[in-house]
PDB file of N, CA and C in Angstrom:
ATOM      1  N   MET A   1     142.088-140.601  57.414  1.00  0.00           N
ATOM      2  CA  MET A   1     141.703-141.349  58.609  1.00  0.00           C
ATOM      3  C   MET A   1     140.760-140.496  59.441  1.00  0.00           C
ATOM      4  N   GLN A   2     139.784-141.144  59.986  1.00  0.00           N
ATOM      5  CA  GLN A   2     138.803-140.486  60.833  1.00  0.00           C
ATOM      6  C   GLN A   2     139.467-139.983  62.116  1.00  0.00           C
ATOM      7  N   ASN A   3     138.830-139.026  62.772  1.00  0.00           N
ATOM      8  CA  ASN A   3     139.353-138.518  64.038  1.00  0.00           C
ATOM      9  C   ASN A   3     139.560-139.655  65.027  1.00  0.00           C
ATOM     10  N   PRO A   4     140.515-139.504  65.929  1.00  0.00           N
ATOM     11  CA  PRO A   4     140.756-140.547  66.930  1.00  0.00           C
ATOM     12  C   PRO A   4     139.773-140.451  68.096  1.00  0.00           C
ATOM     13  N   PHE A   5     139.762-141.509  68.906  1.00  0.00           N
ATOM     14  CA  PHE A   5     139.055-141.448  70.178  1.00  0.00           C
ATOM     15  C   PHE A   5     139.816-140.463  71.060  1.00  0.00           C
ATOM     16  N   THR A   6     139.102-139.706  71.864  1.00  0.00           N
ATOM     17  CA  THR A   6     139.726-138.722  72.739  1.00  0.00           C
ATOM     18  C   THR A   6     139.074-138.784  74.112  1.00  0.00           C
ATOM     19  N   TYR A   7     139.519-137.910  74.998  1.00  0.00           N
ATOM     20  CA  TYR A   7     138.863-137.780  76.295  1.00  0.00           C
ATOM     21  C   TYR A   7     138.844-136.322  76.702  1.00  0.00           C
ATOM     22  N   ALA A   8     137.941-136.010  77.612  1.00  0.00           N
ATOM     23  CA  ALA A   8     137.825-134.648  78.120  1.00  0.00           C
ATOM     24  C   ALA A   8     137.578-134.714  79.621  1.00  0.00           C
ATOM     25  N   HIS A   9     138.060-133.715  80.311  1.00  0.00           N
ATOM     26  CA  HIS A   9     137.878-133.611  81.757  1.00  0.00           C
ATOM     27  C   HIS A   9     136.676-132.718  82.018  1.00  0.00           C
ATOM     28  N   GLY A  10     135.885-133.096  83.002  1.00  0.00           N
ATOM     29  CA  GLY A  10     134.726-132.291  83.373  1.00  0.00           C
ATOM     30  C   GLY A  10     134.420-132.431  84.849  1.00  0.00           C
ATOM     31  N   GLN A  11     133.361-131.772  85.264  1.00  0.00           N
ATOM     32  CA  GLN A  11     132.946-131.837  86.660  1.00  0.00           C
ATOM     33  C   GLN A  11     131.435-131.947  86.701  1.00  0.00           C
ATOM     34  N   ASN A  12     130.930-132.782  87.604  1.00  0.00           N
ATOM     35  CA  ASN A  12     129.503-132.975  87.785  1.00  0.00           C
ATOM     36  C   ASN A  12     129.218-132.794  89.266  1.00  0.00           C
ATOM     37  N   GLY A  13     128.834-131.609  89.650  1.00  0.00           N
ATOM     38  CA  GLY A  13     128.648-131.334  91.072  1.00  0.00           C
ATOM     39  C   GLY A  13     129.988-131.369  91.772  1.00  0.00           C
ATOM     40  N   THR A  14     130.109-132.269  92.729  1.00  0.00           N
ATOM     41  CA  THR A  14     131.365-132.378  93.472  1.00  0.00           C
ATOM     42  C   THR A  14     132.291-133.440  92.901  1.00  0.00           C
ATOM     43  N   GLU A  15     131.832-134.173  91.905  1.00  0.00           N
ATOM     44  CA  GLU A  15     132.651-135.242  91.329  1.00  0.00           C
ATOM     45  C   GLU A  15     133.382-134.765  90.082  1.00  0.00           C
ATOM     46  N   GLU A  16     134.618-135.207  89.957  1.00  0.00           N
ATOM     47  CA  GLU A  16     135.395-134.975  88.740  1.00  0.00           C
ATOM     48  C   GLU A  16     135.070-136.112  87.773  1.00  0.00           C
ATOM     49  N   GLU A  17     135.170-135.834  86.494  1.00  0.00           N
ATOM     50  CA  GLU A  17     134.855-136.836  85.484  1.00  0.00           C
ATOM     51  C   GLU A  17     135.837-136.761  84.319  1.00  0.00           C
ATOM     52  N   PHE A  18     136.059-137.917  83.718  1.00  0.00           N
ATOM     53  CA  PHE A  18     136.708-137.982  82.418  1.00  0.00           C
ATOM     54  C   PHE A  18     135.702-138.625  81.473  1.00  0.00           C
ATOM     55  N   HIS A  19     135.480-137.996  80.332  1.00  0.00           N
ATOM     56  CA  HIS A  19     134.579-138.520  79.316  1.00  0.00           C
ATOM     57  C   HIS A  19     135.419-139.116  78.196  1.00  0.00           C
ATOM     58  N   ILE A  20     135.128-140.351  77.830  1.00  0.00           N
ATOM     59  CA  ILE A  20     135.759-140.979  76.669  1.00  0.00           C
ATOM     60  C   ILE A  20     134.854-140.678  75.482  1.00  0.00           C
ATOM     61  N   ILE A  21     135.435-140.073  74.450  1.00  0.00           N
ATOM     62  CA  ILE A  21     134.644-139.539  73.343  1.00  0.00           C
ATOM     63  C   ILE A  21     134.987-140.278  72.049  1.00  0.00           C
ATOM     64  N   SER A  22     133.939-140.694  71.342  1.00  0.00           N
ATOM     65  CA  SER A  22     134.110-141.416  70.075  1.00  0.00           C
ATOM     66  C   SER A  22     134.610-140.463  68.992  1.00  0.00           C
ATOM     67  N   PRO A  23     135.098-141.019  67.879  1.00  0.00           N
ATOM     68  CA  PRO A  23     135.538-140.170  66.768  1.00  0.00           C
ATOM     69  C   PRO A  23     134.417-139.266  66.231  1.00  0.00           C
ATOM     70  N   GLU A  24     133.182-139.684  66.427  1.00  0.00           N
ATOM     71  CA  GLU A  24     132.041-138.887  65.968  1.00  0.00           C
ATOM     72  C   GLU A  24     131.640-137.805  66.968  1.00  0.00           C
ATOM     73  N   GLY A  25     132.305-137.780  68.136  1.00  0.00           N
ATOM     74  CA  GLY A  25     132.013-136.759  69.141  1.00  0.00           C
ATOM     75  C   GLY A  25     131.028-137.179  70.215  1.00  0.00           C
ATOM     76  N   ARG A  26     130.664-138.453  70.251  1.00  0.00           N
ATOM     77  CA  ARG A  26     129.701-138.957  71.229  1.00  0.00           C
ATOM     78  C   ARG A  26     130.425-139.433  72.481  1.00  0.00           C
ATOM     79  N   THR A  27     129.889-139.080  73.659  1.00  0.00           N
ATOM     80  CA  THR A  27     130.449-139.595  74.905  1.00  0.00           C
ATOM     81  C   THR A  27     130.097-141.072  75.009  1.00  0.00           C
ATOM     82  N   MET A  28     131.127-141.912  75.067  1.00  0.00           N
ATOM     83  CA  MET A  28     130.932-143.359  75.138  1.00  0.00           C
ATOM     84  C   MET A  28     130.917-143.861  76.571  1.00  0.00           C
ATOM     85  N   ALA A  29     131.697-143.217  77.425  1.00  0.00           N
ATOM     86  CA  ALA A  29     131.806-143.649  78.821  1.00  0.00           C
ATOM     87  C   ALA A  29     132.250-142.465  79.663  1.00  0.00           C
ATOM     88  N   VAL A  30     131.904-142.532  80.933  1.00  0.00           N
ATOM     89  CA  VAL A  30     132.316-141.506  81.887  1.00  0.00           C
ATOM     90  C   VAL A  30     132.956-142.206  83.074  1.00  0.00           C
ATOM     91  N   ILE A  31     134.149-141.774  83.428  1.00  0.00           N
ATOM     92  CA  ILE A  31     134.829-142.297  84.610  1.00  0.00           C
ATOM     93  C   ILE A  31     134.812-141.194  85.655  1.00  0.00           C
ATOM     94  N   GLU A  32     134.136-141.476  86.768  1.00  0.00           N
ATOM     95  CA  GLU A  32     134.017-140.496  87.845  1.00  0.00           C
ATOM     96  C   GLU A  32     135.033-140.797  88.934  1.00  0.00           C
ATOM     97  N   PHE A  33     135.493-139.747  89.599  1.00  0.00           N
ATOM     98  CA  PHE A  33     136.423-139.925  90.710  1.00  0.00           C
ATOM     99  C   PHE A  33     136.356-138.706  91.608  1.00  0.00           C
ATOM    100  N   TRP A  34     136.804-138.889  92.835  1.00  0.00           N
ATOM    101  CA  TRP A  34     136.938-137.783  93.779  1.00  0.00           C
ATOM    102  C   TRP A  34     138.381-137.321  93.734  1.00  0.00           C
ATOM    103  N   ASP A  35     138.573-136.034  93.585  1.00  0.00           N
ATOM    104  CA  ASP A  35     139.924-135.479  93.566  1.00  0.00           C
ATOM    105  C   ASP A  35     140.279-135.042  94.988  1.00  0.00           C
ATOM    106  N   GLU A  36     140.524-136.037  95.833  1.00  0.00           N
ATOM    107  CA  GLU A  36     140.837-135.770  97.242  1.00  0.00           C
ATOM    108  C   GLU A  36     142.237-135.197  97.385  1.00  0.00           C
ATOM    109  N   PRO A  37     142.384-134.159  98.192  1.00  0.00           N
ATOM    110  CA  PRO A  37     143.729-133.630  98.450  1.00  0.00           C
ATOM    111  C   PRO A  37     144.625-134.703  99.070  1.00  0.00           C
ATOM    112  N   GLY A  38     145.866-134.717  98.650  1.00  0.00           N
ATOM    113  CA  GLY A  38     146.826-135.661  99.209  1.00  0.00           C
ATOM    114  C   GLY A  38     146.759-137.056  98.617  1.00  0.00           C
ATOM    115  N   THR A  39     145.927-137.255  97.582  1.00  0.00           N
ATOM    116  CA  THR A  39     145.850-138.567  96.929  1.00  0.00           C
ATOM    117  C   THR A  39     146.270-138.421  95.468  1.00  0.00           C
ATOM    118  N   ASP A  40     146.479-139.558  94.845  1.00  0.00           N
ATOM    119  CA  ASP A  40     146.800-139.542  93.416  1.00  0.00           C
ATOM    120  C   ASP A  40     145.607-139.994  92.581  1.00  0.00           C
ATOM    121  N   ASP A  41     144.398-139.808  93.119  1.00  0.00           N
ATOM    122  CA  ASP A  41     143.194-140.271  92.429  1.00  0.00           C
ATOM    123  C   ASP A  41     143.044-139.661  91.034  1.00  0.00           C
ATOM    124  N   ALA A  42     143.309-138.360  90.912  1.00  0.00           N
ATOM    125  CA  ALA A  42     143.161-137.704  89.607  1.00  0.00           C
ATOM    126  C   ALA A  42     144.164-138.264  88.603  1.00  0.00           C
ATOM    127  N   ALA A  43     145.394-138.438  89.020  1.00  0.00           N
ATOM    128  CA  ALA A  43     146.426-138.972  88.123  1.00  0.00           C
ATOM    129  C   ALA A  43     146.107-140.411  87.727  1.00  0.00           C
ATOM    130  N   ARG A  44     145.609-141.194  88.670  1.00  0.00           N
ATOM    131  CA  ARG A  44     145.261-142.586  88.364  1.00  0.00           C
ATOM    132  C   ARG A  44     144.078-142.649  87.405  1.00  0.00           C
ATOM    133  N   ALA A  45     143.072-141.797  87.628  1.00  0.00           N
ATOM    134  CA  ALA A  45     141.915-141.772  86.732  1.00  0.00           C
ATOM    135  C   ALA A  45     142.345-141.353  85.330  1.00  0.00           C
ATOM    136  N   ARG A  46     143.200-140.336  85.236  1.00  0.00           N
ATOM    137  CA  ARG A  46     143.689-139.888  83.925  1.00  0.00           C
ATOM    138  C   ARG A  46     144.481-141.012  83.243  1.00  0.00           C
ATOM    139  N   ALA A  47     145.310-141.711  83.985  1.00  0.00           N
ATOM    140  CA  ALA A  47     146.089-142.817  83.411  1.00  0.00           C
ATOM    141  C   ALA A  47     145.163-143.918  82.896  1.00  0.00           C
ATOM    142  N   ASP A  48     144.101-144.226  83.648  1.00  0.00           N
ATOM    143  CA  ASP A  48     143.133-145.237  83.208  1.00  0.00           C
ATOM    144  C   ASP A  48     142.466-144.818  81.900  1.00  0.00           C
ATOM    145  N   VAL A  49     142.037-143.561  81.847  1.00  0.00           N
ATOM    146  CA  VAL A  49     141.360-143.058  80.653  1.00  0.00           C
ATOM    147  C   VAL A  49     142.311-143.049  79.456  1.00  0.00           C
ATOM    148  N   GLU A  50     143.547-142.621  79.669  1.00  0.00           N
ATOM    149  CA  GLU A  50     144.518-142.612  78.573  1.00  0.00           C
ATOM    150  C   GLU A  50     144.794-144.021  78.066  1.00  0.00           C
ATOM    151  N   LEU A  51     144.846-144.993  78.966  1.00  0.00           N
ATOM    152  CA  LEU A  51     145.044-146.386  78.566  1.00  0.00           C
ATOM    153  C   LEU A  51     143.893-146.862  77.684  1.00  0.00           C
ATOM    154  N   ILE A  52     142.669-146.571  78.099  1.00  0.00           N
ATOM    155  CA  ILE A  52     141.491-146.986  77.332  1.00  0.00           C
ATOM    156  C   ILE A  52     141.474-146.309  75.964  1.00  0.00           C
ATOM    157  N   VAL A  53     141.703-144.997  75.935  1.00  0.00           N
ATOM    158  CA  VAL A  53     141.683-144.250  74.675  1.00  0.00           C
ATOM    159  C   VAL A  53     142.789-144.740  73.741  1.00  0.00           C
ATOM    160  N   ASN A  54     143.972-144.963  74.274  1.00  0.00           N
ATOM    161  CA  ASN A  54     145.074-145.469  73.440  1.00  0.00           C
ATOM    162  C   ASN A  54     144.760-146.852  72.885  1.00  0.00           C
ATOM    163  N   ALA A  55     144.138-147.705  73.700  1.00  0.00           N
ATOM    164  CA  ALA A  55     143.766-149.044  73.231  1.00  0.00           C
ATOM    165  C   ALA A  55     142.713-148.958  72.129  1.00  0.00           C
ATOM    166  N   LEU A  56     141.722-148.098  72.299  1.00  0.00           N
ATOM    167  CA  LEU A  56     140.697-147.926  71.265  1.00  0.00           C
ATOM    168  C   LEU A  56     141.307-147.422  69.961  1.00  0.00           C
ATOM    169  N   ASN A  57     142.214-146.467  70.059  1.00  0.00           N
ATOM    170  CA  ASN A  57     142.854-145.940  68.850  1.00  0.00           C
ATOM    171  C   ASN A  57     143.746-146.979  68.180  1.00  0.00           C
ATOM    172  N   ALA A  58     144.454-147.781  68.962  1.00  0.00           N
ATOM    173  CA  ALA A  58     145.296-148.839  68.390  1.00  0.00           C
ATOM    174  C   ALA A  58     144.434-149.889  67.697  1.00  0.00           C
ATOM    175  N   TYR A  59     143.324-150.264  68.328  1.00  0.00           N
ATOM    176  CA  TYR A  59     142.412-151.243  67.740  1.00  0.00           C
ATOM    177  C   TYR A  59     141.817-150.700  66.444  1.00  0.00           C
ATOM    178  N   LYS A  60     141.435-149.419  66.482  1.00  0.00           N
ATOM    179  CA  LYS A  60     140.846-148.785  65.301  1.00  0.00           C
ATOM    180  C   LYS A  60     141.848-148.747  64.151  1.00  0.00           C
ATOM    181  N   GLN A  61     143.093-148.434  64.460  1.00  0.00           N
ATOM    182  CA  GLN A  61     144.123-148.337  63.430  1.00  0.00           C
ATOM    183  C   GLN A  61     144.451-149.708  62.845  1.00  0.00           C
ATOM    184  N   ALA A  62     144.515-150.727  63.703  1.00  0.00           N
ATOM    185  CA  ALA A  62     144.855-152.077  63.244  1.00  0.00           C
ATOM    186  C   ALA A  62     143.704-152.711  62.481  1.00  0.00           C
ATOM    187  N   GLY A  63     142.499-152.355  62.828  1.00  0.00           N
ATOM    188  CA  GLY A  63     141.329-152.923  62.183  1.00  0.00           C
ATOM    189  C   GLY A  63     140.803-154.106  62.961  1.00  0.00           C
ATOM    190  N   PRO A  64     139.488-154.252  63.000  1.00  0.00           N
ATOM    191  CA  PRO A  64     138.885-155.322  63.796  1.00  0.00           C
ATOM    192  C   PRO A  64     139.231-156.719  63.317  1.00  0.00           C
ATOM    193  N   ASN A  65     139.609-156.873  62.051  1.00  0.00           N
ATOM    194  CA  ASN A  65     139.917-158.207  61.533  1.00  0.00           C
ATOM    195  C   ASN A  65     141.306-158.688  61.917  1.00  0.00           C
ATOM    196  N   THR A  66     142.165-157.785  62.372  1.00  0.00           N
ATOM    197  CA  THR A  66     143.535-158.162  62.711  1.00  0.00           C
ATOM    198  C   THR A  66     143.566-159.247  63.773  1.00  0.00           C
ATOM    199  N   LEU A  67     142.757-159.103  64.805  1.00  0.00           N
ATOM    200  CA  LEU A  67     142.714-160.101  65.875  1.00  0.00           C
ATOM    201  C   LEU A  67     142.296-161.456  65.324  1.00  0.00           C
ATOM    202  N   PHE A  68     141.245-161.488  64.524  1.00  0.00           N
ATOM    203  CA  PHE A  68     140.751-162.750  63.995  1.00  0.00           C
ATOM    204  C   PHE A  68     141.746-163.381  63.025  1.00  0.00           C
ATOM    205  N   GLU A  69     142.404-162.564  62.220  1.00  0.00           N
ATOM    206  CA  GLU A  69     143.419-163.085  61.304  1.00  0.00           C
ATOM    207  C   GLU A  69     144.570-163.720  62.074  1.00  0.00           C
ATOM    208  N   THR A  70     144.970-163.107  63.173  1.00  0.00           N
ATOM    209  CA  THR A  70     146.044-163.656  64.001  1.00  0.00           C
ATOM    210  C   THR A  70     145.630-164.985  64.606  1.00  0.00           C
ATOM    211  N   VAL A  71     144.412-165.057  65.121  1.00  0.00           N
ATOM    212  CA  VAL A  71     143.915-166.303  65.722  1.00  0.00           C
ATOM    213  C   VAL A  71     143.855-167.405  64.674  1.00  0.00           C
ATOM    214  N   ILE A  72     143.335-167.096  63.502  1.00  0.00           N
ATOM    215  CA  ILE A  72     143.233-168.103  62.438  1.00  0.00           C
ATOM    216  C   ILE A  72     144.619-168.575  62.007  1.00  0.00           C
ATOM    217  N   ARG A  73     145.556-167.644  61.841  1.00  0.00           N
ATOM    218  CA  ARG A  73     146.923-168.002  61.436  1.00  0.00           C
ATOM    219  C   ARG A  73     147.564-168.917  62.478  1.00  0.00           C
ATOM    220  N   ARG A  74     147.392-168.594  63.755  1.00  0.00           N
ATOM    221  CA  ARG A  74     147.990-169.425  64.811  1.00  0.00           C
ATOM    222  C   ARG A  74     147.313-170.786  64.895  1.00  0.00           C
ATOM    223  N   ALA A  75     146.001-170.822  64.680  1.00  0.00           N
ATOM    224  CA  ALA A  75     145.290-172.101  64.716  1.00  0.00           C
ATOM    225  C   ALA A  75     145.752-173.000  63.570  1.00  0.00           C
ATOM    226  N   LYS A  76     145.953-172.416  62.386  1.00  0.00           N
ATOM    227  CA  LYS A  76     146.437-173.208  61.252  1.00  0.00           C
ATOM    228  C   LYS A  76     147.834-173.748  61.529  1.00  0.00           C
ATOM    229  N   ALA A  77     148.695-172.906  62.092  1.00  0.00           N
ATOM    230  CA  ALA A  77     150.063-173.344  62.398  1.00  0.00           C
ATOM    231  C   ALA A  77     150.045-174.469  63.421  1.00  0.00           C
ATOM    232  N   LEU A  78     149.188-174.352  64.437  1.00  0.00           N
ATOM    233  CA  LEU A  78     149.091-175.405  65.447  1.00  0.00           C
ATOM    234  C   LEU A  78     148.554-176.688  64.820  1.00  0.00           C
ATOM    235  N   GLY A  79     147.568-176.561  63.934  1.00  0.00           N
ATOM    236  CA  GLY A  79     147.020-177.730  63.245  1.00  0.00           C
ATOM    237  C   GLY A  79     148.080-178.448  62.427  1.00  0.00           C
ATOM    238  N   GLU A  80     148.943-177.679  61.770  1.00  0.00           N
ATOM    239  CA  GLU A  80     150.025-178.283  60.994  1.00  0.00           C
ATOM    240  C   GLU A  80     151.018-178.997  61.903  1.00  0.00           C
ATOM    241  N   LYS A  81     151.328-178.412  63.054  1.00  0.00           N
ATOM    242  CA  LYS A  81     152.252-179.051  63.994  1.00  0.00           C
ATOM    243  C   LYS A  81     151.667-180.355  64.515  1.00  0.00           C
ATOM    244  N   ILE A  82     150.385-180.341  64.830  1.00  0.00           N
ATOM    245  CA  ILE A  82     149.738-181.562  65.322  1.00  0.00           C
ATOM    246  C   ILE A  82     149.748-182.628  64.227  1.00  0.00           C
ATOM    247  N   ALA A  83     149.441-182.225  62.991  1.00  0.00           N
ATOM    248  CA  ALA A  83     149.429-183.177  61.875  1.00  0.00           C
ATOM    249  C   ALA A  83     150.806-183.773  61.630  1.00  0.00           C
ATOM    250  N   ASN A  84     151.846-183.009  61.897  1.00  0.00           N
ATOM    251  CA  ASN A  84     153.214-183.489  61.702  1.00  0.00           C
ATOM    252  C   ASN A  84     153.783-184.154  62.948  1.00  0.00           C
ATOM    253  N   GLY A  85     152.957-184.274  63.990  1.00  0.00           N
ATOM    254  CA  GLY A  85     153.403-184.936  65.215  1.00  0.00           C
ATOM    255  C   GLY A  85     154.340-184.103  66.064  1.00  0.00           C
ATOM    256  N   ILE A  86     154.403-182.794  65.813  1.00  0.00           N
ATOM    257  CA  ILE A  86     155.309-181.935  66.581  1.00  0.00           C
ATOM    258  C   ILE A  86     154.672-181.474  67.881  1.00  0.00           C
ATOM    259  N   ALA A  87     153.374-181.270  67.871  1.00  0.00           N
ATOM    260  CA  ALA A  87     152.671-180.802  69.077  1.00  0.00           C
ATOM    261  C   ALA A  87     151.516-181.747  69.356  1.00  0.00           C
ATOM    262  N   ALA A  88     151.175-181.844  70.600  1.00  0.00           N
ATOM    263  CA  ALA A  88     150.045-182.710  70.954  1.00  0.00           C
ATOM    264  C   ALA A  88     149.059-181.950  71.782  1.00  0.00           C
TER     265      ALA A  88
END
């Protein structure tokens, strides 16, 4: 299996940043935030980035066709219910 999506913390001047990094090592997105004292901005930004990275890795592992296969399977089941008069 190819490397997973990851993230890295960085700084750009006075702004803190999280970089979302592709399996190939390319920065795909940057989330900037101010790390103000007395706030939870850094923790919230990290949680957002971890959510995105985890979602990308889950999607990558499941495969892009999984979503479409699920939709098609559910559409067929609904079509059968309608044909049998169970759903309208």
